[in-house]
Amino acid sequence: MIKITNMHGLTKEDIKHKIRKSNDIREHERWICINSCIEGYTAPEIACIIDRDEQTIRDWITGFNEDGIEGLKRENPKGKKKD
């Protein structure tokens, strides 16, 4: 079972604030994921709640555990760059 192992100095209230204030839907989903994990939901349950792949949920939680907020930031998609 995957869980939050490092809060990086954030409180549950900080995370709830991030959910309320996020303007980007992808960022919002990631904070919902982290909050749900803290609340005790499993990766399969969270995946069902936000309609994402279970591995994506695990990646987000792992990224947060390792790098905090930076671990949740979107990576630019790989592929051909625009000129």
N, C-alpha and C. Protein backbone atom coordinates (compact mmCIF):
# COMPACT_ATOMS: atom_id res chain seq x y z
N MET A 1 0.84 -1.19 0.00
CA MET A 1 0.00 0.00 0.00
C MET A 1 0.88 1.24 0.00
N ILE A 2 0.64 2.12 -0.93
CA ILE A 2 1.42 3.35 -1.02
C ILE A 2 0.82 4.40 -0.08
N LYS A 3 1.69 5.17 0.55
CA LYS A 3 1.20 6.21 1.45
C LYS A 3 2.15 7.40 1.45
N ILE A 4 1.68 8.49 2.01
CA ILE A 4 2.52 9.69 2.14
C ILE A 4 3.50 9.44 3.27
N THR A 5 4.78 9.54 2.95
CA THR A 5 5.81 9.30 3.94
C THR A 5 6.57 10.57 4.32
N ASN A 6 6.36 11.64 3.57
CA ASN A 6 7.06 12.89 3.85
C ASN A 6 6.15 14.04 3.48
N MET A 7 5.72 14.81 4.47
CA MET A 7 4.80 15.93 4.23
C MET A 7 5.56 17.20 3.83
N HIS A 8 6.88 17.19 3.88
CA HIS A 8 7.70 18.33 3.47
C HIS A 8 7.27 19.62 4.17
N GLY A 9 6.92 19.49 5.43
CA GLY A 9 6.55 20.66 6.22
C GLY A 9 5.14 21.16 5.99
N LEU A 10 4.38 20.50 5.12
CA LEU A 10 3.00 20.91 4.86
C LEU A 10 2.06 20.25 5.86
N THR A 11 1.01 20.93 6.20
CA THR A 11 -0.02 20.36 7.06
C THR A 11 -1.19 19.92 6.19
N LYS A 12 -2.13 19.19 6.80
CA LYS A 12 -3.35 18.82 6.07
C LYS A 12 -4.09 20.07 5.61
N GLU A 13 -4.09 21.09 6.44
CA GLU A 13 -4.76 22.35 6.08
C GLU A 13 -4.05 23.02 4.90
N ASP A 14 -2.73 22.96 4.85
CA ASP A 14 -1.99 23.51 3.70
C ASP A 14 -2.43 22.81 2.41
N ILE A 15 -2.59 21.51 2.48
CA ILE A 15 -2.96 20.75 1.29
C ILE A 15 -4.40 21.07 0.89
N LYS A 16 -5.29 21.19 1.85
CA LYS A 16 -6.67 21.58 1.53
C LYS A 16 -6.72 22.97 0.92
N HIS A 17 -5.85 23.85 1.39
CA HIS A 17 -5.75 25.20 0.81
C HIS A 17 -5.28 25.11 -0.65
N LYS A 18 -4.31 24.25 -0.92
CA LYS A 18 -3.81 24.06 -2.29
C LYS A 18 -4.93 23.57 -3.21
N ILE A 19 -5.78 22.68 -2.69
CA ILE A 19 -6.91 22.17 -3.48
C ILE A 19 -7.85 23.32 -3.83
N ARG A 20 -8.19 24.12 -2.84
CA ARG A 20 -9.14 25.23 -3.05
C ARG A 20 -8.59 26.29 -3.99
N LYS A 21 -7.29 26.54 -3.94
CA LYS A 21 -6.70 27.64 -4.68
C LYS A 21 -6.12 27.27 -6.05
N SER A 22 -6.04 25.99 -6.36
CA SER A 22 -5.44 25.61 -7.64
C SER A 22 -6.38 25.96 -8.80
N ASN A 23 -5.83 26.67 -9.77
CA ASN A 23 -6.60 27.09 -10.95
C ASN A 23 -6.45 26.10 -12.11
N ASP A 24 -5.44 25.29 -12.06
CA ASP A 24 -5.16 24.33 -13.12
C ASP A 24 -5.78 22.99 -12.72
N ILE A 25 -6.59 22.40 -13.59
CA ILE A 25 -7.29 21.15 -13.28
C ILE A 25 -6.32 20.01 -12.98
N ARG A 26 -5.20 19.99 -13.69
CA ARG A 26 -4.22 18.92 -13.44
C ARG A 26 -3.58 19.06 -12.07
N GLU A 27 -3.26 20.28 -11.71
CA GLU A 27 -2.70 20.53 -10.37
C GLU A 27 -3.74 20.18 -9.31
N HIS A 28 -4.98 20.55 -9.55
CA HIS A 28 -6.07 20.27 -8.62
C HIS A 28 -6.19 18.75 -8.39
N GLU A 29 -6.15 17.97 -9.47
CA GLU A 29 -6.22 16.51 -9.37
C GLU A 29 -5.09 15.96 -8.51
N ARG A 30 -3.93 16.50 -8.68
CA ARG A 30 -2.77 15.99 -7.94
C ARG A 30 -2.90 16.27 -6.45
N TRP A 31 -3.40 17.44 -6.12
CA TRP A 31 -3.61 17.75 -4.69
C TRP A 31 -4.74 16.92 -4.11
N ILE A 32 -5.79 16.65 -4.90
CA ILE A 32 -6.86 15.75 -4.45
C ILE A 32 -6.27 14.37 -4.17
N CYS A 33 -5.39 13.93 -5.05
CA CYS A 33 -4.73 12.64 -4.88
C CYS A 33 -3.95 12.60 -3.57
N ILE A 34 -3.15 13.60 -3.31
CA ILE A 34 -2.34 13.63 -2.09
C ILE A 34 -3.23 13.67 -0.86
N ASN A 35 -4.26 14.50 -0.90
CA ASN A 35 -5.18 14.60 0.24
C ASN A 35 -5.90 13.27 0.47
N SER A 36 -6.33 12.64 -0.60
CA SER A 36 -7.03 11.36 -0.47
C SER A 36 -6.12 10.29 0.12
N CYS A 37 -4.87 10.31 -0.27
CA CYS A 37 -3.90 9.36 0.27
C CYS A 37 -3.71 9.59 1.77
N ILE A 38 -3.61 10.84 2.17
CA ILE A 38 -3.48 11.18 3.58
C ILE A 38 -4.71 10.71 4.36
N GLU A 39 -5.88 10.80 3.73
CA GLU A 39 -7.14 10.40 4.36
C GLU A 39 -7.28 8.88 4.46
N GLY A 40 -6.35 8.14 3.82
CA GLY A 40 -6.36 6.69 3.96
C GLY A 40 -6.87 5.92 2.76
N TYR A 41 -7.19 6.61 1.67
CA TYR A 41 -7.62 5.92 0.46
C TYR A 41 -6.43 5.23 -0.20
N THR A 42 -6.70 4.13 -0.85
CA THR A 42 -5.65 3.39 -1.56
C THR A 42 -5.49 3.95 -2.97
N ALA A 43 -4.39 3.59 -3.63
CA ALA A 43 -4.16 4.05 -5.00
C ALA A 43 -5.29 3.63 -5.94
N PRO A 44 -5.80 2.38 -5.88
CA PRO A 44 -6.91 2.01 -6.75
C PRO A 44 -8.17 2.85 -6.47
N GLU A 45 -8.43 3.14 -5.20
CA GLU A 45 -9.60 3.95 -4.86
C GLU A 45 -9.46 5.38 -5.38
N ILE A 46 -8.28 5.95 -5.22
CA ILE A 46 -8.04 7.31 -5.70
C ILE A 46 -8.15 7.35 -7.22
N ALA A 47 -7.60 6.34 -7.87
CA ALA A 47 -7.68 6.27 -9.34
C ALA A 47 -9.14 6.27 -9.79
N CYS A 48 -9.98 5.56 -9.08
CA CYS A 48 -11.41 5.52 -9.40
C CYS A 48 -12.06 6.88 -9.17
N ILE A 49 -11.71 7.52 -8.07
CA ILE A 49 -12.31 8.81 -7.71
C ILE A 49 -12.02 9.87 -8.77
N ILE A 50 -10.76 9.95 -9.22
CA ILE A 50 -10.40 11.03 -10.15
C ILE A 50 -10.24 10.55 -11.59
N ASP A 51 -10.59 9.30 -11.82
CA ASP A 51 -10.59 8.73 -13.17
C ASP A 51 -9.22 8.83 -13.84
N ARG A 52 -8.23 8.33 -13.12
CA ARG A 52 -6.85 8.26 -13.63
C ARG A 52 -6.33 6.84 -13.46
N ASP A 53 -5.29 6.52 -14.19
CA ASP A 53 -4.65 5.22 -14.08
C ASP A 53 -4.01 5.06 -12.71
N GLU A 54 -4.09 3.86 -12.18
CA GLU A 54 -3.51 3.59 -10.86
C GLU A 54 -2.02 3.91 -10.81
N GLN A 55 -1.29 3.61 -11.88
CA GLN A 55 0.15 3.90 -11.90
C GLN A 55 0.40 5.40 -11.84
N THR A 56 -0.45 6.19 -12.47
CA THR A 56 -0.33 7.64 -12.41
C THR A 56 -0.44 8.11 -10.97
N ILE A 57 -1.40 7.55 -10.24
CA ILE A 57 -1.59 7.90 -8.82
C ILE A 57 -0.33 7.56 -8.04
N ARG A 58 0.20 6.38 -8.27
CA ARG A 58 1.43 5.98 -7.57
C ARG A 58 2.59 6.91 -7.91
N ASP A 59 2.69 7.31 -9.17
CA ASP A 59 3.75 8.23 -9.59
C ASP A 59 3.62 9.57 -8.89
N TRP A 60 2.41 10.09 -8.79
CA TRP A 60 2.19 11.38 -8.12
C TRP A 60 2.56 11.30 -6.63
N ILE A 61 2.14 10.23 -5.98
CA ILE A 61 2.43 10.07 -4.55
C ILE A 61 3.93 9.91 -4.33
N THR A 62 4.57 9.10 -5.17
CA THR A 62 6.02 8.92 -5.07
C THR A 62 6.74 10.24 -5.32
N GLY A 63 6.32 10.97 -6.34
CA GLY A 63 6.92 12.28 -6.63
C GLY A 63 6.79 13.24 -5.47
N PHE A 64 5.61 13.26 -4.84
CA PHE A 64 5.41 14.12 -3.68
C PHE A 64 6.28 13.68 -2.52
N ASN A 65 6.34 12.39 -2.25
CA ASN A 65 7.18 11.89 -1.15
C ASN A 65 8.64 12.26 -1.34
N GLU A 66 9.11 12.19 -2.58
CA GLU A 66 10.52 12.46 -2.85
C GLU A 66 10.85 13.95 -2.93
N ASP A 67 9.98 14.73 -3.58
CA ASP A 67 10.33 16.12 -3.88
C ASP A 67 9.30 17.15 -3.45
N GLY A 68 8.29 16.74 -2.71
CA GLY A 68 7.28 17.70 -2.25
C GLY A 68 6.51 18.32 -3.39
N ILE A 69 6.25 19.62 -3.29
CA ILE A 69 5.49 20.34 -4.31
C ILE A 69 6.14 20.20 -5.68
N GLU A 70 7.44 20.26 -5.73
CA GLU A 70 8.15 20.12 -7.01
C GLU A 70 7.86 18.77 -7.67
N GLY A 71 7.66 17.75 -6.86
CA GLY A 71 7.37 16.41 -7.38
C GLY A 71 6.01 16.29 -8.02
N LEU A 72 5.14 17.27 -7.80
CA LEU A 72 3.80 17.26 -8.39
C LEU A 72 3.70 18.10 -9.64
N LYS A 73 4.71 18.86 -9.94
CA LYS A 73 4.64 19.74 -11.12
C LYS A 73 4.63 18.92 -12.39
N ARG A 74 3.92 19.46 -13.36
CA ARG A 74 3.81 18.79 -14.65
C ARG A 74 5.12 18.84 -15.40
N GLU A 75 5.43 17.72 -16.01
CA GLU A 75 6.60 17.68 -16.90
C GLU A 75 6.11 17.99 -18.30
N ASN A 76 6.95 18.66 -19.07
CA ASN A 76 6.60 18.90 -20.47
C ASN A 76 6.60 17.58 -21.20
N PRO A 77 5.60 17.36 -22.05
CA PRO A 77 5.56 16.09 -22.78
C PRO A 77 6.78 15.93 -23.68
N LYS A 78 7.25 14.72 -23.77
CA LYS A 78 8.39 14.44 -24.63
C LYS A 78 7.90 14.37 -26.08
N GLY A 79 8.75 14.73 -26.98
CA GLY A 79 8.39 14.68 -28.38
C GLY A 79 9.01 15.84 -29.14
N LYS A 80 8.48 16.07 -30.30
CA LYS A 80 9.01 17.12 -31.16
C LYS A 80 8.73 18.49 -30.56
N LYS A 81 9.77 19.31 -30.48
CA LYS A 81 9.62 20.66 -29.97
C LYS A 81 9.17 21.58 -31.09
N LYS A 82 8.38 22.57 -30.71
CA LYS A 82 7.95 23.56 -31.70
C LYS A 82 9.11 24.51 -31.99
N ASP A 83 9.20 24.95 -33.23
CA ASP A 83 10.26 25.89 -33.62
C ASP A 83 9.91 27.30 -33.24
